[in-house]
């Protein structure tokens, strides 16, 4: 996911993009965990990328909207809400 969002490795970005397309077409069902989302946010905030909370919200929200299999809706609501609240000064 990091490579898709940052586009700093085109081969990995394209692989993830194809995977996302399969998820969107519901050809496959994957699970995303709260830990995976937290790790993604942490990496995007880190010194390497140093994105603001607002930038992270804009990047992560579409990923959370994907039809992930076996994911509790409250997970998406909680993470999106927390990111949105923390994006405002």
N, C-alpha and C. Protein backbone atom coordinates (compact mmCIF):
# COMPACT_ATOMS: atom_id res chain seq x y z
N UNK A 1 0.81 -1.19 0.00
CA UNK A 1 0.00 0.00 0.00
C UNK A 1 0.86 1.26 0.00
N UNK A 2 1.97 1.21 0.74
CA UNK A 2 2.85 2.39 0.78
C UNK A 2 3.31 2.73 -0.63
N UNK A 3 3.70 1.72 -1.37
CA UNK A 3 4.22 1.96 -2.72
C UNK A 3 3.14 2.52 -3.64
N UNK A 4 1.92 2.08 -3.46
CA UNK A 4 0.82 2.62 -4.26
C UNK A 4 0.62 4.10 -3.95
N UNK A 5 0.63 4.43 -2.68
CA UNK A 5 0.34 5.81 -2.26
C UNK A 5 1.49 6.76 -2.53
N UNK A 6 2.72 6.30 -2.36
CA UNK A 6 3.87 7.19 -2.54
C UNK A 6 4.43 7.14 -3.96
N UNK A 7 4.13 6.09 -4.68
CA UNK A 7 4.57 5.90 -6.06
C UNK A 7 6.08 6.02 -6.22
N UNK A 8 6.82 5.55 -5.20
CA UNK A 8 8.28 5.65 -5.27
C UNK A 8 8.93 4.35 -5.75
N UNK A 9 8.16 3.33 -6.03
CA UNK A 9 8.65 2.09 -6.63
C UNK A 9 7.59 1.67 -7.64
N UNK A 10 7.84 1.95 -8.90
CA UNK A 10 6.82 1.77 -9.93
C UNK A 10 6.42 0.31 -10.13
N UNK A 11 7.34 -0.62 -9.98
CA UNK A 11 7.00 -2.03 -10.13
C UNK A 11 6.04 -2.47 -9.03
N UNK A 12 6.38 -2.15 -7.78
CA UNK A 12 5.51 -2.51 -6.66
C UNK A 12 4.19 -1.76 -6.73
N UNK A 13 4.24 -0.50 -7.13
CA UNK A 13 3.00 0.28 -7.28
C UNK A 13 2.05 -0.38 -8.26
N UNK A 14 2.59 -0.81 -9.40
CA UNK A 14 1.75 -1.45 -10.41
C UNK A 14 1.20 -2.79 -9.93
N UNK A 15 2.00 -3.53 -9.18
CA UNK A 15 1.52 -4.81 -8.62
C UNK A 15 0.36 -4.57 -7.65
N UNK A 16 0.50 -3.57 -6.80
CA UNK A 16 -0.56 -3.26 -5.84
C UNK A 16 -1.79 -2.74 -6.58
N UNK A 17 -1.60 -1.93 -7.58
CA UNK A 17 -2.72 -1.40 -8.35
C UNK A 17 -3.54 -2.54 -8.99
N UNK A 18 -2.84 -3.53 -9.53
CA UNK A 18 -3.54 -4.69 -10.11
C UNK A 18 -4.31 -5.46 -9.03
N UNK A 19 -3.71 -5.59 -7.87
CA UNK A 19 -4.38 -6.26 -6.76
C UNK A 19 -5.63 -5.50 -6.33
N UNK A 20 -5.52 -4.18 -6.23
CA UNK A 20 -6.66 -3.34 -5.87
C UNK A 20 -7.78 -3.48 -6.90
N UNK A 21 -7.42 -3.51 -8.16
CA UNK A 21 -8.42 -3.67 -9.22
C UNK A 21 -9.17 -4.99 -9.06
N UNK A 22 -8.47 -6.04 -8.69
CA UNK A 22 -9.12 -7.34 -8.48
C UNK A 22 -10.05 -7.29 -7.27
N UNK A 23 -9.65 -6.56 -6.24
CA UNK A 23 -10.51 -6.40 -5.06
C UNK A 23 -11.76 -5.63 -5.46
N UNK A 24 -11.59 -4.55 -6.22
CA UNK A 24 -12.73 -3.74 -6.64
C UNK A 24 -13.71 -4.55 -7.50
N UNK A 25 -13.18 -5.44 -8.33
CA UNK A 25 -14.05 -6.29 -9.16
C UNK A 25 -14.60 -7.49 -8.38
N UNK A 26 -14.18 -7.56 -7.12
CA UNK A 26 -14.59 -8.65 -6.22
C UNK A 26 -14.18 -10.03 -6.73
N UNK A 27 -13.06 -10.06 -7.45
CA UNK A 27 -12.50 -11.32 -7.90
C UNK A 27 -11.82 -12.04 -6.74
N UNK A 28 -11.29 -11.25 -5.83
CA UNK A 28 -10.64 -11.78 -4.63
C UNK A 28 -11.12 -10.98 -3.43
N UNK A 29 -11.02 -11.60 -2.29
CA UNK A 29 -11.37 -10.92 -1.04
C UNK A 29 -10.16 -11.00 -0.12
N UNK A 30 -9.70 -9.86 0.31
CA UNK A 30 -8.57 -9.79 1.23
C UNK A 30 -9.03 -9.11 2.51
N UNK A 31 -8.28 -9.32 3.54
CA UNK A 31 -8.59 -8.70 4.82
C UNK A 31 -7.52 -7.67 5.13
N UNK A 32 -7.95 -6.53 5.59
CA UNK A 32 -7.02 -5.52 6.05
C UNK A 32 -7.29 -5.33 7.55
N UNK A 33 -6.24 -5.30 8.32
CA UNK A 33 -6.39 -5.21 9.77
C UNK A 33 -6.14 -3.79 10.26
N UNK A 34 -6.59 -3.52 11.46
CA UNK A 34 -6.32 -2.22 12.07
C UNK A 34 -4.82 -2.00 12.20
N UNK A 35 -4.09 -3.06 12.49
CA UNK A 35 -2.64 -2.96 12.62
C UNK A 35 -2.01 -2.56 11.29
N UNK A 36 -2.47 -3.14 10.20
CA UNK A 36 -1.93 -2.79 8.89
C UNK A 36 -2.19 -1.32 8.57
N UNK A 37 -3.39 -0.85 8.91
CA UNK A 37 -3.71 0.55 8.67
C UNK A 37 -2.85 1.45 9.54
N UNK A 38 -2.69 1.07 10.80
CA UNK A 38 -1.85 1.86 11.71
C UNK A 38 -0.42 1.92 11.21
N UNK A 39 0.10 0.79 10.75
CA UNK A 39 1.46 0.76 10.21
C UNK A 39 1.58 1.66 8.99
N UNK A 40 0.58 1.61 8.13
CA UNK A 40 0.59 2.45 6.93
C UNK A 40 0.64 3.93 7.32
N UNK A 41 -0.19 4.33 8.27
CA UNK A 41 -0.20 5.72 8.73
C UNK A 41 1.15 6.08 9.34
N UNK A 42 1.70 5.20 10.15
CA UNK A 42 2.99 5.47 10.80
C UNK A 42 4.08 5.70 9.75
N UNK A 43 4.14 4.83 8.74
CA UNK A 43 5.17 4.97 7.71
C UNK A 43 5.00 6.27 6.94
N UNK A 44 3.75 6.62 6.62
CA UNK A 44 3.52 7.86 5.87
C UNK A 44 3.87 9.10 6.69
N UNK A 45 3.75 9.02 8.02
CA UNK A 45 4.10 10.15 8.89
C UNK A 45 5.60 10.22 9.16
N UNK A 46 6.29 9.13 8.95
CA UNK A 46 7.70 9.03 9.32
C UNK A 46 8.57 10.01 8.53
N UNK A 47 9.82 10.09 8.95
CA UNK A 47 10.78 11.00 8.34
C UNK A 47 10.98 10.76 6.85
N UNK A 48 10.85 9.52 6.41
CA UNK A 48 11.06 9.22 4.99
C UNK A 48 10.06 9.98 4.13
N UNK A 49 8.79 9.95 4.53
CA UNK A 49 7.73 10.58 3.74
C UNK A 49 7.26 11.89 4.37
N UNK A 50 7.15 11.92 5.68
CA UNK A 50 6.80 13.14 6.40
C UNK A 50 5.51 13.81 5.97
N UNK A 51 4.51 13.01 5.62
CA UNK A 51 3.24 13.60 5.19
C UNK A 51 2.47 14.17 6.39
N UNK A 52 1.68 15.17 6.12
CA UNK A 52 0.83 15.74 7.17
C UNK A 52 -0.36 14.82 7.40
N UNK A 53 -1.04 15.02 8.52
CA UNK A 53 -2.23 14.22 8.80
C UNK A 53 -3.28 14.40 7.72
N UNK A 54 -3.43 15.61 7.28
CA UNK A 54 -4.41 15.89 6.22
C UNK A 54 -4.07 15.12 4.94
N UNK A 55 -2.80 15.11 4.57
CA UNK A 55 -2.38 14.37 3.37
C UNK A 55 -2.63 12.88 3.55
N UNK A 56 -2.36 12.38 4.74
CA UNK A 56 -2.57 10.96 5.01
C UNK A 56 -4.05 10.60 4.91
N UNK A 57 -4.91 11.45 5.45
CA UNK A 57 -6.36 11.20 5.36
C UNK A 57 -6.77 11.10 3.90
N UNK A 58 -6.31 12.02 3.08
CA UNK A 58 -6.68 12.03 1.67
C UNK A 58 -6.21 10.77 0.95
N UNK A 59 -5.04 10.26 1.34
CA UNK A 59 -4.51 9.06 0.70
C UNK A 59 -5.14 7.77 1.21
N UNK A 60 -5.39 7.70 2.50
CA UNK A 60 -5.84 6.45 3.12
C UNK A 60 -7.35 6.22 2.99
N UNK A 61 -8.12 7.28 2.99
CA UNK A 61 -9.59 7.13 2.94
C UNK A 61 -10.06 6.26 1.77
N UNK A 62 -9.55 6.43 0.54
CA UNK A 62 -10.01 5.56 -0.56
C UNK A 62 -9.65 4.08 -0.34
N UNK A 63 -8.54 3.83 0.33
CA UNK A 63 -8.16 2.45 0.61
C UNK A 63 -9.15 1.83 1.59
N UNK A 64 -9.57 2.60 2.58
CA UNK A 64 -10.52 2.09 3.56
C UNK A 64 -11.89 1.85 2.93
N UNK A 65 -12.19 2.53 1.83
CA UNK A 65 -13.49 2.38 1.17
C UNK A 65 -13.55 1.15 0.27
N UNK A 66 -12.44 0.47 0.05
CA UNK A 66 -12.44 -0.72 -0.79
C UNK A 66 -13.27 -1.84 -0.15
N UNK A 67 -13.80 -2.73 -0.96
CA UNK A 67 -14.60 -3.83 -0.42
C UNK A 67 -13.74 -4.94 0.18
N UNK A 68 -13.06 -4.63 1.26
CA UNK A 68 -12.22 -5.61 1.94
C UNK A 68 -13.10 -6.70 2.53
N UNK A 69 -12.69 -7.93 2.39
CA UNK A 69 -13.46 -9.03 2.96
C UNK A 69 -13.18 -9.19 4.43
N UNK A 70 -14.16 -9.64 5.17
CA UNK A 70 -14.01 -9.98 6.59
C UNK A 70 -13.52 -8.82 7.44
N UNK A 71 -13.93 -7.62 7.11
CA UNK A 71 -13.51 -6.46 7.88
C UNK A 71 -14.74 -5.85 8.54
N UNK A 72 -14.66 -5.65 9.80
CA UNK A 72 -15.79 -5.06 10.51
C UNK A 72 -15.97 -3.61 10.09
N UNK A 73 -17.19 -3.21 9.74
CA UNK A 73 -17.43 -1.82 9.34
C UNK A 73 -16.99 -0.81 10.41
N UNK A 74 -17.08 -1.19 11.69
CA UNK A 74 -16.68 -0.24 12.73
C UNK A 74 -15.19 0.07 12.66
N UNK A 75 -14.40 -0.87 12.13
CA UNK A 75 -12.97 -0.62 11.97
C UNK A 75 -12.75 0.55 11.02
N UNK A 76 -13.42 0.52 9.90
CA UNK A 76 -13.27 1.60 8.92
C UNK A 76 -13.76 2.91 9.51
N UNK A 77 -14.92 2.88 10.14
CA UNK A 77 -15.48 4.09 10.74
C UNK A 77 -14.55 4.66 11.79
N UNK A 78 -14.02 3.81 12.65
CA UNK A 78 -13.15 4.27 13.73
C UNK A 78 -11.86 4.87 13.18
N UNK A 79 -11.23 4.20 12.22
CA UNK A 79 -9.97 4.69 11.69
C UNK A 79 -10.17 5.97 10.90
N UNK A 80 -11.20 6.01 10.06
CA UNK A 80 -11.47 7.21 9.28
C UNK A 80 -11.78 8.38 10.21
N UNK A 81 -12.58 8.15 11.22
CA UNK A 81 -12.92 9.21 12.17
C UNK A 81 -11.70 9.72 12.90
N UNK A 82 -10.85 8.82 13.36
CA UNK A 82 -9.63 9.22 14.08
C UNK A 82 -8.71 10.02 13.17
N UNK A 83 -8.55 9.57 11.94
CA UNK A 83 -7.69 10.30 11.01
C UNK A 83 -8.26 11.67 10.72
N UNK A 84 -9.55 11.75 10.51
CA UNK A 84 -10.17 13.04 10.20
C UNK A 84 -10.05 14.01 11.35
N UNK A 85 -10.29 13.51 12.57
CA UNK A 85 -10.17 14.39 13.74
C UNK A 85 -8.74 14.88 13.91
N UNK A 86 -7.78 14.01 13.65
CA UNK A 86 -6.39 14.41 13.87
C UNK A 86 -5.87 15.27 12.72
N UNK A 87 -6.61 15.33 11.62
CA UNK A 87 -6.17 16.15 10.48
C UNK A 87 -6.48 17.62 10.68
N UNK A 88 -7.37 17.91 11.60
CA UNK A 88 -7.73 19.31 11.85
C UNK A 88 -6.87 19.85 12.99
N UNK A 89 -6.38 21.07 12.82
CA UNK A 89 -5.54 21.66 13.88
C UNK A 89 -6.29 21.88 15.17
